[in-house]
C-alpha atoms as a PDB file:
ATOM      1  CA  MET A   1      -6.473  16.604  -8.145  1.00  0.00           C
ATOM      2  CA  GLY A   2      -6.310  14.787 -11.533  1.00  0.00           C
ATOM      3  CA  GLU A   3      -9.187  12.541 -11.782  1.00  0.00           C
ATOM      4  CA  ILE A   4     -11.147  13.619  -8.584  1.00  0.00           C
ATOM      5  CA  THR A   5     -14.020  16.238  -9.246  1.00  0.00           C
ATOM      6  CA  GLU A   6     -14.845  18.924  -6.908  1.00  0.00           C
ATOM      7  CA  ASP A   7     -18.216  17.428  -6.267  1.00  0.00           C
ATOM      8  CA  ARG A   8     -16.531  14.346  -4.883  1.00  0.00           C
ATOM      9  CA  TRP A   9     -14.251  16.326  -2.619  1.00  0.00           C
ATOM     10  CA  ALA A  10     -17.253  18.269  -1.302  1.00  0.00           C
ATOM     11  CA  ALA A  11     -19.154  15.056  -0.856  1.00  0.00           C
ATOM     12  CA  ALA A  12     -16.299  13.525   1.046  1.00  0.00           C
ATOM     13  CA  THR A  13     -15.292  16.491   3.337  1.00  0.00           C
ATOM     14  CA  GLY A  14     -19.146  17.119   3.892  1.00  0.00           C
ATOM     15  CA  ALA A  15     -19.698  13.519   4.918  1.00  0.00           C
ATOM     16  CA  LEU A  16     -16.566  13.441   7.279  1.00  0.00           C
ATOM     17  CA  ARG A  17     -17.463  16.869   8.983  1.00  0.00           C
ATOM     18  CA  THR A  18     -20.978  15.755   9.482  1.00  0.00           C
ATOM     19  CA  ALA A  19     -19.926  12.574  11.169  1.00  0.00           C
ATOM     20  CA  VAL A  20     -17.467  14.439  13.285  1.00  0.00           C
ATOM     21  CA  ALA A  21     -19.947  16.868  14.530  1.00  0.00           C
ATOM     22  CA  ALA A  22     -22.478  14.191  15.321  1.00  0.00           C
ATOM     23  CA  GLY A  23     -20.081  12.198  17.188  1.00  0.00           C
ATOM     24  CA  ASP A  24     -20.663   9.210  14.980  1.00  0.00           C
ATOM     25  CA  PRO A  25     -18.253   6.189  14.797  1.00  0.00           C
ATOM     26  CA  ILE A  26     -15.820   6.461  11.722  1.00  0.00           C
ATOM     27  CA  LEU A  27     -13.960   3.501  10.650  1.00  0.00           C
ATOM     28  CA  LEU A  28     -10.754   3.740   8.552  1.00  0.00           C
ATOM     29  CA  VAL A  29      -9.824   0.460   6.750  1.00  0.00           C
ATOM     30  CA  CYS A  30      -6.820  -0.227   4.803  1.00  0.00           C
ATOM     31  CA  HIS A  31      -5.731  -3.302   2.876  1.00  0.00           C
ATOM     32  CA  VAL A  32      -4.604  -6.756   4.205  1.00  0.00           C
ATOM     33  CA  ASN A  33      -0.735  -6.844   4.939  1.00  0.00           C
ATOM     34  CA  PRO A  34      -0.659  -3.060   4.920  1.00  0.00           C
ATOM     35  CA  ASP A  35       2.441  -1.398   3.559  1.00  0.00           C
ATOM     36  CA  GLY A  36       3.890   1.935   4.290  1.00  0.00           C
ATOM     37  CA  ASP A  37       1.279   3.757   1.927  1.00  0.00           C
ATOM     38  CA  ALA A  38      -1.719   1.978   3.206  1.00  0.00           C
ATOM     39  CA  LEU A  39      -0.939   2.373   6.951  1.00  0.00           C
ATOM     40  CA  GLY A  40       0.725   5.670   6.761  1.00  0.00           C
ATOM     41  CA  SER A  41      -2.303   7.224   4.828  1.00  0.00           C
ATOM     42  CA  MET A  42      -4.813   5.609   7.245  1.00  0.00           C
ATOM     43  CA  LEU A  43      -2.979   6.932  10.345  1.00  0.00           C
ATOM     44  CA  ALA A  44      -2.435  10.427   8.786  1.00  0.00           C
ATOM     45  CA  VAL A  45      -6.262  10.723   8.041  1.00  0.00           C
ATOM     46  CA  GLY A  46      -7.221   9.239  11.406  1.00  0.00           C
ATOM     47  CA  GLN A  47      -5.000  11.817  13.346  1.00  0.00           C
ATOM     48  CA  ALA A  48      -6.396  14.582  11.304  1.00  0.00           C
ATOM     49  CA  LEU A  49      -9.961  13.620  12.264  1.00  0.00           C
ATOM     50  CA  ARG A  50      -9.086  13.800  15.739  1.00  0.00           C
ATOM     51  CA  LYS A  51      -7.735  17.275  15.304  1.00  0.00           C
ATOM     52  CA  LEU A  52     -10.962  18.054  13.615  1.00  0.00           C
ATOM     53  CA  GLY A  53     -12.700  16.853  16.783  1.00  0.00           C
ATOM     54  CA  ALA A  54     -13.638  13.304  16.191  1.00  0.00           C
ATOM     55  CA  THR A  55     -14.021  11.267  19.278  1.00  0.00           C
ATOM     56  CA  LYS A  56     -14.998   7.989  17.710  1.00  0.00           C
ATOM     57  CA  VAL A  57     -12.542   7.378  14.944  1.00  0.00           C
ATOM     58  CA  GLN A  58     -10.894   3.905  14.778  1.00  0.00           C
ATOM     59  CA  ALA A  59      -8.609   2.280  12.278  1.00  0.00           C
ATOM     60  CA  THR A  60      -8.084  -1.297  11.340  1.00  0.00           C
ATOM     61  CA  TYR A  61      -7.156  -3.863   8.635  1.00  0.00           C
ATOM     62  CA  PRO A  62      -7.989  -7.404   7.828  1.00  0.00           C
ATOM     63  CA  GLY A  63      -5.766 -10.390   8.586  1.00  0.00           C
ATOM     64  CA  PRO A  64      -3.057 -10.981  11.091  1.00  0.00           C
ATOM     65  CA  SER A  65      -2.349  -8.009  13.464  1.00  0.00           C
ATOM     66  CA  ALA A  66       1.446  -8.043  13.464  1.00  0.00           C
ATOM     67  CA  LEU A  67       2.824  -4.990  11.680  1.00  0.00           C
ATOM     68  CA  PRO A  68       6.157  -4.772  10.067  1.00  0.00           C
ATOM     69  CA  GLU A  69       8.907  -3.658  12.553  1.00  0.00           C
ATOM     70  CA  PRO A  70       9.678  -0.430  10.877  1.00  0.00           C
ATOM     71  CA  PHE A  71       6.197   0.712  11.437  1.00  0.00           C
ATOM     72  CA  LEU A  72       6.051  -0.023  15.029  1.00  0.00           C
ATOM     73  CA  VAL A  73       6.886   3.562  16.043  1.00  0.00           C
ATOM     74  CA  LEU A  74       4.492   5.368  13.728  1.00  0.00           C
ATOM     75  CA  PRO A  75       2.412   8.137  15.155  1.00  0.00           C
ATOM     76  CA  GLY A  76      -1.236   7.289  15.668  1.00  0.00           C
ATOM     77  CA  LEU A  77      -0.961   3.522  16.309  1.00  0.00           C
ATOM     78  CA  ASP A  78      -3.267   3.796  19.090  1.00  0.00           C
ATOM     79  CA  LEU A  79      -6.205   4.404  16.584  1.00  0.00           C
ATOM     80  CA  LEU A  80      -5.697   0.692  15.548  1.00  0.00           C
ATOM     81  CA  VAL A  81      -8.264  -1.733  16.917  1.00  0.00           C
ATOM     82  CA  ASP A  82      -8.869  -5.475  16.299  1.00  0.00           C
ATOM     83  CA  SER A  83     -12.704  -5.325  16.854  1.00  0.00           C
ATOM     84  CA  PRO A  84     -13.893  -2.039  15.795  1.00  0.00           C
ATOM     85  CA  GLU A  85     -17.154  -0.458  16.854  1.00  0.00           C
ATOM     86  CA  ALA A  86     -20.010  -0.558  14.308  1.00  0.00           C
ATOM     87  CA  PRO A  87     -19.345   2.505  12.075  1.00  0.00           C
ATOM     88  CA  VAL A  88     -21.782   5.088  10.551  1.00  0.00           C
ATOM     89  CA  LEU A  89     -19.206   5.928   8.097  1.00  0.00           C
ATOM     90  CA  MET A  90     -16.265   3.978   6.568  1.00  0.00           C
ATOM     91  CA  VAL A  91     -13.159   5.065   4.761  1.00  0.00           C
ATOM     92  CA  THR A  92     -11.029   2.732   2.821  1.00  0.00           C
ATOM     93  CA  LEU A  93      -7.481   3.492   1.997  1.00  0.00           C
ATOM     94  CA  ASP A  94      -5.164   2.020  -0.662  1.00  0.00           C
ATOM     95  CA  ALA A  95      -7.418  -0.840  -1.638  1.00  0.00           C
ATOM     96  CA  ALA A  96      -8.153  -1.214  -5.193  1.00  0.00           C
ATOM     97  CA  ALA A  97     -10.492  -4.069  -4.876  1.00  0.00           C
ATOM     98  CA  GLU A  98     -13.238  -5.329  -2.360  1.00  0.00           C
ATOM     99  CA  SER A  99     -11.232  -8.513  -1.855  1.00  0.00           C
ATOM    100  CA  ARG A 100      -8.398  -6.464  -0.414  1.00  0.00           C
ATOM    101  CA  LEU A 101     -10.571  -5.298   2.572  1.00  0.00           C
ATOM    102  CA  GLY A 102     -11.205  -9.058   3.825  1.00  0.00           C
ATOM    103  CA  ALA A 103     -14.222  -9.242   6.065  1.00  0.00           C
ATOM    104  CA  TYR A 104     -14.731  -5.544   6.163  1.00  0.00           C
ATOM    105  CA  ALA A 105     -15.888  -5.558   2.538  1.00  0.00           C
ATOM    106  CA  SER A 106     -19.156  -6.885   3.971  1.00  0.00           C
ATOM    107  CA  LEU A 107     -19.855  -3.318   5.226  1.00  0.00           C
ATOM    108  CA  LEU A 108     -19.789  -1.940   1.619  1.00  0.00           C
ATOM    109  CA  GLY A 109     -23.422  -1.206   0.643  1.00  0.00           C
ATOM    110  CA  GLU A 110     -24.517  -1.123   4.264  1.00  0.00           C
ATOM    111  CA  VAL A 111     -22.350   1.798   5.543  1.00  0.00           C
ATOM    112  CA  PRO A 112     -21.698   4.783   3.359  1.00  0.00           C
ATOM    113  CA  THR A 113     -18.097   4.560   2.241  1.00  0.00           C
ATOM    114  CA  ILE A 114     -15.374   6.973   1.032  1.00  0.00           C
ATOM    115  CA  VAL A 115     -12.563   5.432  -0.972  1.00  0.00           C
ATOM    116  CA  LEU A 116      -8.900   6.833  -1.001  1.00  0.00           C
ATOM    117  CA  ASP A 117      -6.860   5.254  -3.635  1.00  0.00           C
ATOM    118  CA  HIS A 118      -4.393   5.752  -6.503  1.00  0.00           C
ATOM    119  CA  HIS A 119      -4.539   2.244  -8.371  1.00  0.00           C
ATOM    120  CA  ALA A 120      -5.495   2.127 -12.044  1.00  0.00           C
ATOM    121  CA  SER A 121      -6.990  -1.148 -11.317  1.00  0.00           C
ATOM    122  CA  TYR A 122      -9.647   0.343  -8.861  1.00  0.00           C
ATOM    123  CA  THR A 123     -12.816  -1.736  -9.211  1.00  0.00           C
ATOM    124  CA  GLY A 124     -15.404   0.965  -8.572  1.00  0.00           C
ATOM    125  CA  PHE A 125     -16.741  -0.072  -5.169  1.00  0.00           C
ATOM    126  CA  GLY A 126     -17.747   2.584  -2.568  1.00  0.00           C
ATOM    127  CA  ASP A 127     -20.046   5.626  -2.505  1.00  0.00           C
ATOM    128  CA  ILE A 128     -17.534   8.563  -2.874  1.00  0.00           C
ATOM    129  CA  PRO A 129     -14.357   7.503  -4.740  1.00  0.00           C
ATOM    130  CA  LEU A 130     -11.287   9.766  -4.209  1.00  0.00           C
ATOM    131  CA  VAL A 131      -9.355   7.975  -6.615  1.00  0.00           C
ATOM    132  CA  ASP A 132      -6.639   9.344  -8.808  1.00  0.00           C
ATOM    133  CA  SER A 133      -4.573   6.722 -10.829  1.00  0.00           C
ATOM    134  CA  GLY A 134      -2.133   9.518 -11.501  1.00  0.00           C
ATOM    135  CA  ALA A 135      -1.171  10.147  -8.007  1.00  0.00           C
ATOM    136  CA  ALA A 136       2.090   8.588  -6.823  1.00  0.00           C
ATOM    137  CA  ALA A 137       0.607   7.220  -3.655  1.00  0.00           C
ATOM    138  CA  THR A 138      -2.557   6.973  -1.653  1.00  0.00           C
ATOM    139  CA  ALA A 139      -0.796   9.232   0.770  1.00  0.00           C
ATOM    140  CA  VAL A 140      -1.021  12.177  -1.935  1.00  0.00           C
ATOM    141  CA  VAL A 141      -4.731  11.878  -2.041  1.00  0.00           C
ATOM    142  CA  ALA A 142      -4.728  11.533   1.872  1.00  0.00           C
ATOM    143  CA  ALA A 143      -2.757  14.753   2.016  1.00  0.00           C
ATOM    144  CA  GLU A 144      -5.190  16.652  -0.174  1.00  0.00           C
ATOM    145  CA  LEU A 145      -8.139  15.529   1.849  1.00  0.00           C
ATOM    146  CA  ILE A 146      -6.561  16.526   4.896  1.00  0.00           C
ATOM    147  CA  SER A 147      -5.786  20.022   3.574  1.00  0.00           C
ATOM    148  CA  ARG A 148      -9.518  20.281   2.201  1.00  0.00           C
ATOM    149  CA  LEU A 149     -10.646  19.587   5.750  1.00  0.00           C
ATOM    150  CA  GLY A 150      -8.712  22.505   6.969  1.00  0.00           C
ATOM    151  CA  VAL A 151      -6.312  20.514   9.309  1.00  0.00           C
ATOM    152  CA  PRO A 152      -2.952  21.903   9.357  1.00  0.00           C
ATOM    153  CA  LEU A 153       0.002  19.556   9.006  1.00  0.00           C
ATOM    154  CA  ASP A 154       1.990  18.688  12.291  1.00  0.00           C
ATOM    155  CA  LEU A 155       4.987  16.551  12.780  1.00  0.00           C
ATOM    156  CA  GLN A 156       3.036  13.287  13.532  1.00  0.00           C
ATOM    157  CA  ILE A 157       0.530  13.578  10.512  1.00  0.00           C
ATOM    158  CA  ALA A 158       3.503  14.586   8.299  1.00  0.00           C
ATOM    159  CA  GLU A 159       5.592  11.529   9.312  1.00  0.00           C
ATOM    160  CA  CYS A 160       2.639   9.111   8.300  1.00  0.00           C
ATOM    161  CA  LEU A 161       2.185  10.918   5.051  1.00  0.00           C
ATOM    162  CA  TYR A 162       5.941  10.966   4.233  1.00  0.00           C
ATOM    163  CA  ILE A 163       6.284   7.293   4.771  1.00  0.00           C
ATOM    164  CA  GLY A 164       3.361   6.720   2.431  1.00  0.00           C
ATOM    165  CA  VAL A 165       5.062   8.753  -0.145  1.00  0.00           C
ATOM    166  CA  ILE A 166       8.552   7.345   0.086  1.00  0.00           C
ATOM    167  CA  THR A 167       7.406   3.616   0.233  1.00  0.00           C
ATOM    168  CA  ASP A 168       5.144   3.975  -2.950  1.00  0.00           C
ATOM    169  CA  THR A 169       7.671   6.050  -4.996  1.00  0.00           C
ATOM    170  CA  GLY A 170      10.714   4.034  -3.847  1.00  0.00           C
ATOM    171  CA  SER A 171      12.357   6.999  -2.434  1.00  0.00           C
ATOM    172  CA  PHE A 172      11.238   9.133  -5.333  1.00  0.00           C
ATOM    173  CA  LYS A 173      12.685   6.934  -8.054  1.00  0.00           C
ATOM    174  CA  TYR A 174       9.473   5.354  -9.661  1.00  0.00           C
ATOM    175  CA  ALA A 175       7.910   6.837 -12.780  1.00  0.00           C
ATOM    176  CA  LEU A 176       4.906   8.342 -11.022  1.00  0.00           C
ATOM    177  CA  THR A 177       7.140  10.655  -9.146  1.00  0.00           C
ATOM    178  CA  THR A 178       5.674  13.983 -10.131  1.00  0.00           C
ATOM    179  CA  PRO A 179       6.499  17.578  -9.367  1.00  0.00           C
ATOM    180  CA  GLU A 180       3.471  17.422  -7.172  1.00  0.00           C
ATOM    181  CA  VAL A 181       5.131  14.656  -5.179  1.00  0.00           C
ATOM    182  CA  HIS A 182       8.270  16.706  -4.510  1.00  0.00           C
ATOM    183  CA  ARG A 183       6.125  19.700  -3.661  1.00  0.00           C
ATOM    184  CA  LEU A 184       4.272  17.829  -1.064  1.00  0.00           C
ATOM    185  CA  ALA A 185       7.569  16.170   0.402  1.00  0.00           C
ATOM    186  CA  ALA A 186       8.828  19.716   0.722  1.00  0.00           C
ATOM    187  CA  ASP A 187       5.724  20.708   2.816  1.00  0.00           C
ATOM    188  CA  LEU A 188       6.092  17.609   4.868  1.00  0.00           C
ATOM    189  CA  LEU A 189       9.784  18.268   5.569  1.00  0.00           C
ATOM    190  CA  GLU A 190       8.857  21.786   6.645  1.00  0.00           C
ATOM    191  CA  THR A 191       7.213  20.303   9.887  1.00  0.00           C
ATOM    192  CA  GLY A 192      10.674  19.350  11.069  1.00  0.00           C
ATOM    193  CA  LEU A 193      10.798  15.649   9.796  1.00  0.00           C
ATOM    194  CA  ASP A 194      14.276  13.896   9.829  1.00  0.00           C
ATOM    195  CA  PRO A 195      14.146  12.206   6.337  1.00  0.00           C
ATOM    196  CA  GLY A 196      17.424  10.429   6.958  1.00  0.00           C
ATOM    197  CA  GLU A 197      16.201   8.815  10.074  1.00  0.00           C
ATOM    198  CA  ILE A 198      12.891   7.722   8.492  1.00  0.00           C
ATOM    199  CA  SER A 199      14.558   6.342   5.375  1.00  0.00           C
ATOM    200  CA  SER A 200      17.058   4.442   7.304  1.00  0.00           C
ATOM    201  CA  ARG A 201      14.434   3.003   9.565  1.00  0.00           C
ATOM    202  CA  VAL A 202      12.020   1.909   6.665  1.00  0.00           C
ATOM    203  CA  PHE A 203      14.484   0.892   3.993  1.00  0.00           C
ATOM    204  CA  ASP A 204      17.918   0.248   5.568  1.00  0.00           C
ATOM    205  CA  THR A 205      17.483  -1.525   8.720  1.00  0.00           C
ATOM    206  CA  ARG A 206      17.058  -5.271   8.783  1.00  0.00           C
ATOM    207  CA  PRO A 207      18.266  -8.104  11.030  1.00  0.00           C
ATOM    208  CA  PHE A 208      21.407  -9.837   9.791  1.00  0.00           C
ATOM    209  CA  GLY A 209      19.343 -13.040   9.324  1.00  0.00           C
ATOM    210  CA  ALA A 210      17.449 -10.966   6.625  1.00  0.00           C
ATOM    211  CA  VAL A 211      20.651 -10.113   4.955  1.00  0.00           C
ATOM    212  CA  LYS A 212      21.481 -14.076   4.694  1.00  0.00           C
ATOM    213  CA  LEU A 213      17.947 -14.570   3.642  1.00  0.00           C
ATOM    214  CA  TYR A 214      18.278 -11.923   0.778  1.00  0.00           C
ATOM    215  CA  GLY A 215      21.407 -13.623  -0.425  1.00  0.00           C
ATOM    216  CA  GLU A 216      19.740 -17.062  -0.568  1.00  0.00           C
ATOM    217  CA  VAL A 217      16.710 -15.956  -2.510  1.00  0.00           C
ATOM    218  CA  LEU A 218      18.760 -13.888  -4.954  1.00  0.00           C
ATOM    219  CA  SER A 219      20.951 -16.838  -5.533  1.00  0.00           C
ATOM    220  CA  ARG A 220      18.035 -18.768  -6.820  1.00  0.00           C
ATOM    221  CA  ALA A 221      16.795 -16.037  -9.247  1.00  0.00           C
ATOM    222  CA  VAL A 222      15.980 -17.335 -12.632  1.00  0.00           C
ATOM    223  CA  LEU A 223      16.681 -15.408 -15.830  1.00  0.00           C
ATOM    224  CA  GLU A 224      14.485 -16.227 -18.839  1.00  0.00           C
ATOM    225  CA  PRO A 225      15.973 -14.269 -21.626  1.00  0.00           C
ATOM    226  CA  GLU A 226      13.347 -15.462 -24.178  1.00  0.00           C
ATOM    227  CA  ASN A 227      10.514 -13.962 -22.010  1.00  0.00           C
ATOM    228  CA  ARG A 228      12.570 -11.008 -20.825  1.00  0.00           C
ATOM    229  CA  LEU A 229      11.618 -12.116 -17.323  1.00  0.00           C
ATOM    230  CA  VAL A 230      13.536 -12.669 -13.916  1.00  0.00           C
ATOM    231  CA  TRP A 231      12.043 -14.120 -10.960  1.00  0.00           C
ATOM    232  CA  SER A 232      12.559 -15.731  -7.597  1.00  0.00           C
ATOM    233  CA  ALA A 233      10.556 -17.273  -4.698  1.00  0.00           C
ATOM    234  CA  ALA A 234      10.955 -16.991  -0.870  1.00  0.00           C
ATOM    235  CA  SER A 235       9.186 -19.874   1.124  1.00  0.00           C
ATOM    236  CA  LEU A 236       7.896 -19.971   4.719  1.00  0.00           C
ATOM    237  CA  ALA A 237      10.731 -22.613   5.268  1.00  0.00           C
ATOM    238  CA  ASP A 238      13.280 -19.970   4.168  1.00  0.00           C
ATOM    239  CA  LEU A 239      11.817 -17.527   6.656  1.00  0.00           C
ATOM    240  CA  GLU A 240      12.050 -20.067   9.459  1.00  0.00           C
ATOM    241  CA  ARG A 241      15.476 -21.054   8.654  1.00  0.00           C
ATOM    242  CA  HIS A 242      16.719 -17.664   8.949  1.00  0.00           C
ATOM    243  CA  GLY A 243      14.272 -16.738  11.932  1.00  0.00           C
ATOM    244  CA  GLN A 244      12.748 -13.876  10.070  1.00  0.00           C
ATOM    245  CA  ALA A 245       9.382 -12.244   9.778  1.00  0.00           C
ATOM    246  CA  PRO A 246       7.535 -11.848   6.391  1.00  0.00           C
ATOM    247  CA  TYR A 247       8.022  -8.121   6.341  1.00  0.00           C
ATOM    248  CA  VAL A 248      11.700  -8.412   5.672  1.00  0.00           C
ATOM    249  CA  LEU A 249      10.927  -9.517   2.176  1.00  0.00           C
ATOM    250  CA  GLU A 250       9.445  -6.164   1.377  1.00  0.00           C
ATOM    251  CA  GLY A 251      12.015  -4.392  -1.026  1.00  0.00           C
ATOM    252  CA  LEU A 252      13.681  -7.726  -1.937  1.00  0.00           C
ATOM    253  CA  ILE A 253      12.129  -7.436  -5.511  1.00  0.00           C
ATOM    254  CA  ASP A 254      14.300  -4.358  -6.084  1.00  0.00           C
ATOM    255  CA  GLY A 255      17.360  -6.580  -5.960  1.00  0.00           C
ATOM    256  CA  ILE A 256      15.775  -8.803  -8.607  1.00  0.00           C
ATOM    257  CA  ARG A 257      14.338  -6.226 -10.871  1.00  0.00           C
ATOM    258  CA  CYS A 258      17.786  -4.549 -11.614  1.00  0.00           C
ATOM    259  CA  ALA A 259      18.653  -7.403 -13.940  1.00  0.00           C
ATOM    260  CA  ALA A 260      19.479  -5.499 -17.249  1.00  0.00           C
ATOM    261  CA  GLU A 261      18.291  -8.422 -19.320  1.00  0.00           C
ATOM    262  CA  ALA A 262      14.727  -8.425 -18.141  1.00  0.00           C
ATOM    263  CA  ASP A 263      11.714  -6.173 -18.648  1.00  0.00           C
ATOM    264  CA  VAL A 264       9.727  -7.790 -15.964  1.00  0.00           C
ATOM    265  CA  ALA A 265      10.690  -9.093 -12.333  1.00  0.00           C
ATOM    266  CA  CYS A 266       8.621 -11.193 -10.210  1.00  0.00           C
ATOM    267  CA  LEU A 267       8.945 -12.221  -6.541  1.00  0.00           C
ATOM    268  CA  LEU A 268       6.767 -14.936  -5.029  1.00  0.00           C
ATOM    269  CA  LYS A 269       6.471 -14.817  -1.121  1.00  0.00           C
ATOM    270  CA  GLN A 270       4.812 -17.832   0.502  1.00  0.00           C
ATOM    271  CA  VAL A 271       2.065 -16.961   2.868  1.00  0.00           C
ATOM    272  CA  GLY A 272       0.368 -20.373   3.253  1.00  0.00           C
ATOM    273  CA  PRO A 273       0.833 -24.027   2.215  1.00  0.00           C
ATOM    274  CA  ALA A 274      -0.103 -23.281  -1.390  1.00  0.00           C
ATOM    275  CA  GLU A 275      -0.630 -19.619  -1.117  1.00  0.00           C
ATOM    276  CA  TRP A 276       1.883 -16.943  -2.539  1.00  0.00           C
ATOM    277  CA  SER A 277       1.842 -13.151  -2.542  1.00  0.00           C
ATOM    278  CA  VAL A 278       3.256 -12.175  -5.941  1.00  0.00           C
ATOM    279  CA  SER A 279       4.901  -8.785  -6.491  1.00  0.00           C
ATOM    280  CA  MET A 280       5.698  -7.761 -10.075  1.00  0.00           C
ATOM    281  CA  ARG A 281       7.726  -4.832 -11.434  1.00  0.00           C
ATOM    282  CA  SER A 282       8.409  -3.611 -15.068  1.00  0.00           C
ATOM    283  CA  ARG A 283      10.566  -1.271 -16.720  1.00  0.00           C
ATOM    284  CA  GLY A 284       7.422   0.476 -17.989  1.00  0.00           C
ATOM    285  CA  GLY A 285       7.075  -1.341 -21.376  1.00  0.00           C
ATOM    286  CA  VAL A 286       4.696  -3.882 -20.040  1.00  0.00           C
ATOM    287  CA  ASP A 287       1.441  -3.107 -18.456  1.00  0.00           C
ATOM    288  CA  LEU A 288       1.511  -5.159 -15.157  1.00  0.00           C
ATOM    289  CA  SER A 289      -1.817  -3.776 -13.971  1.00  0.00           C
ATOM    290  CA  ARG A 290      -3.442  -5.727 -16.761  1.00  0.00           C
ATOM    291  CA  VAL A 291      -1.559  -8.835 -15.903  1.00  0.00           C
ATOM    292  CA  ALA A 292      -2.305  -8.624 -12.389  1.00  0.00           C
ATOM    293  CA  VAL A 293      -6.166  -7.917 -12.741  1.00  0.00           C
ATOM    294  CA  ALA A 294      -6.152 -11.079 -15.147  1.00  0.00           C
ATOM    295  CA  LEU A 295      -4.749 -13.067 -12.080  1.00  0.00           C
ATOM    296  CA  GLY A 296      -7.216 -11.616  -9.615  1.00  0.00           C
ATOM    297  CA  GLY A 297      -5.028  -8.726  -8.354  1.00  0.00           C
ATOM    298  CA  GLY A 298      -4.296  -5.111  -9.114  1.00  0.00           C
ATOM    299  CA  GLY A 299      -1.816  -2.323  -9.174  1.00  0.00           C
ATOM    300  CA  HIS A 300      -0.122  -0.060 -11.676  1.00  0.00           C
ATOM    301  CA  ARG A 301       1.630  -0.354 -15.055  1.00  0.00           C
ATOM    302  CA  ALA A 302       4.987  -0.754 -13.722  1.00  0.00           C
ATOM    303  CA  ALA A 303       4.042  -2.165 -10.184  1.00  0.00           C
ATOM    304  CA  ALA A 304       1.431  -4.732  -9.454  1.00  0.00           C
ATOM    305  CA  GLY A 305       0.703  -8.045  -7.492  1.00  0.00           C
ATOM    306  CA  PHE A 306      -1.853 -10.571  -6.955  1.00  0.00           C
ATOM    307  CA  THR A 307      -2.290 -13.714  -4.633  1.00  0.00           C
ATOM    308  CA  GLY A 308      -1.313 -17.009  -6.526  1.00  0.00           C
ATOM    309  CA  TYR A 309      -2.251 -20.619  -5.550  1.00  0.00           C
ATOM    310  CA  GLY A 310      -0.276 -23.625  -6.156  1.00  0.00           C
ATOM    311  CA  THR A 311       3.466 -24.235  -6.597  1.00  0.00           C
ATOM    312  CA  PRO A 312       5.918 -21.425  -7.846  1.00  0.00           C
ATOM    313  CA  ALA A 313       6.257 -23.110 -11.165  1.00  0.00           C
ATOM    314  CA  GLU A 314       2.452 -23.312 -11.615  1.00  0.00           C
ATOM    315  CA  ILE A 315       2.123 -19.689 -10.757  1.00  0.00           C
ATOM    316  CA  MET A 316       4.892 -18.551 -13.104  1.00  0.00           C
ATOM    317  CA  ASP A 317       3.083 -20.529 -15.867  1.00  0.00           C
ATOM    318  CA  ARG A 318       0.004 -18.405 -15.330  1.00  0.00           C
ATOM    319  CA  ILE A 319       2.316 -15.234 -15.350  1.00  0.00           C
ATOM    320  CA  ARG A 320       3.834 -16.183 -18.559  1.00  0.00           C
ATOM    321  CA  ILE A 321       0.425 -16.943 -20.295  1.00  0.00           C
ATOM    322  CA  ALA A 322      -1.130 -13.506 -18.955  1.00  0.00           C
ATOM    323  CA  LEU A 323       2.121 -11.766 -20.134  1.00  0.00           C
ATOM    324  CA  GLY A 324       1.658 -13.157 -23.641  1.00  0.00           C
ATOM    325  CA  GLU A 325      -2.095 -12.206 -24.055  1.00  0.00           C
END
């Protein structure tokens, strides 16, 4: 695949096979507030390692344990633990920077670590990087790893990988949707997946309160023609007023980014008293990975994010400055 050498594939598969054969604890860790790609890739790899014979494989992520409702029926959720056993080998998934691993970043340098990722902003941590910035999703890298381990796809692994692919490609509409992605999707569908049911569950099913919340946040969107920028913000008070969980805001940025007058769209989602998760999208003319890295985050050219502190106005001022640099 792309940027991943055969030596790295051999090192990763060798390390995993050795750990499985020895019965060593293997820990899979994805990023805080896992999305479909992070969680799907992690659970797919975990189930594949079980099929390979692993008896001590666990999965986790930093931060609150609550998962978005659409992911509560994913196969392999029994792999998730809050307090994992001390590992002999660690695999990180979809985390481009150590900060995205929370407290588990302390294991880096102490435990041999395989990194599965696809972000251009990957910072270089870990011992065996399986990182391809040309891959549309970490799930694409995970699928290749599973294949190289000699584990055949089954319906459960395929569902996890498919959710990773469709969430990070926006149902195959983003720029990194390559022929390789469609070939992988075809292989996954061959297992008997129901793509309509999965897409409906992940993208098209939200409580009515979320619909009302969407309307309110969209009504507050601000267009800045001089900056070719459109943005809005959703506060914790908004969520509470409509009785909604934070996960319902995933996908809301697509309603903002469609503004024809803007090249860049931003959605600020409050997660603490003065803390906001910032999602950014561009039409391709602006390198948002550069902007996000400058602000402490990461991502891709057309899709990136970071954690901002202060008021929405203060955070937007920093974004405008970073866009102008």
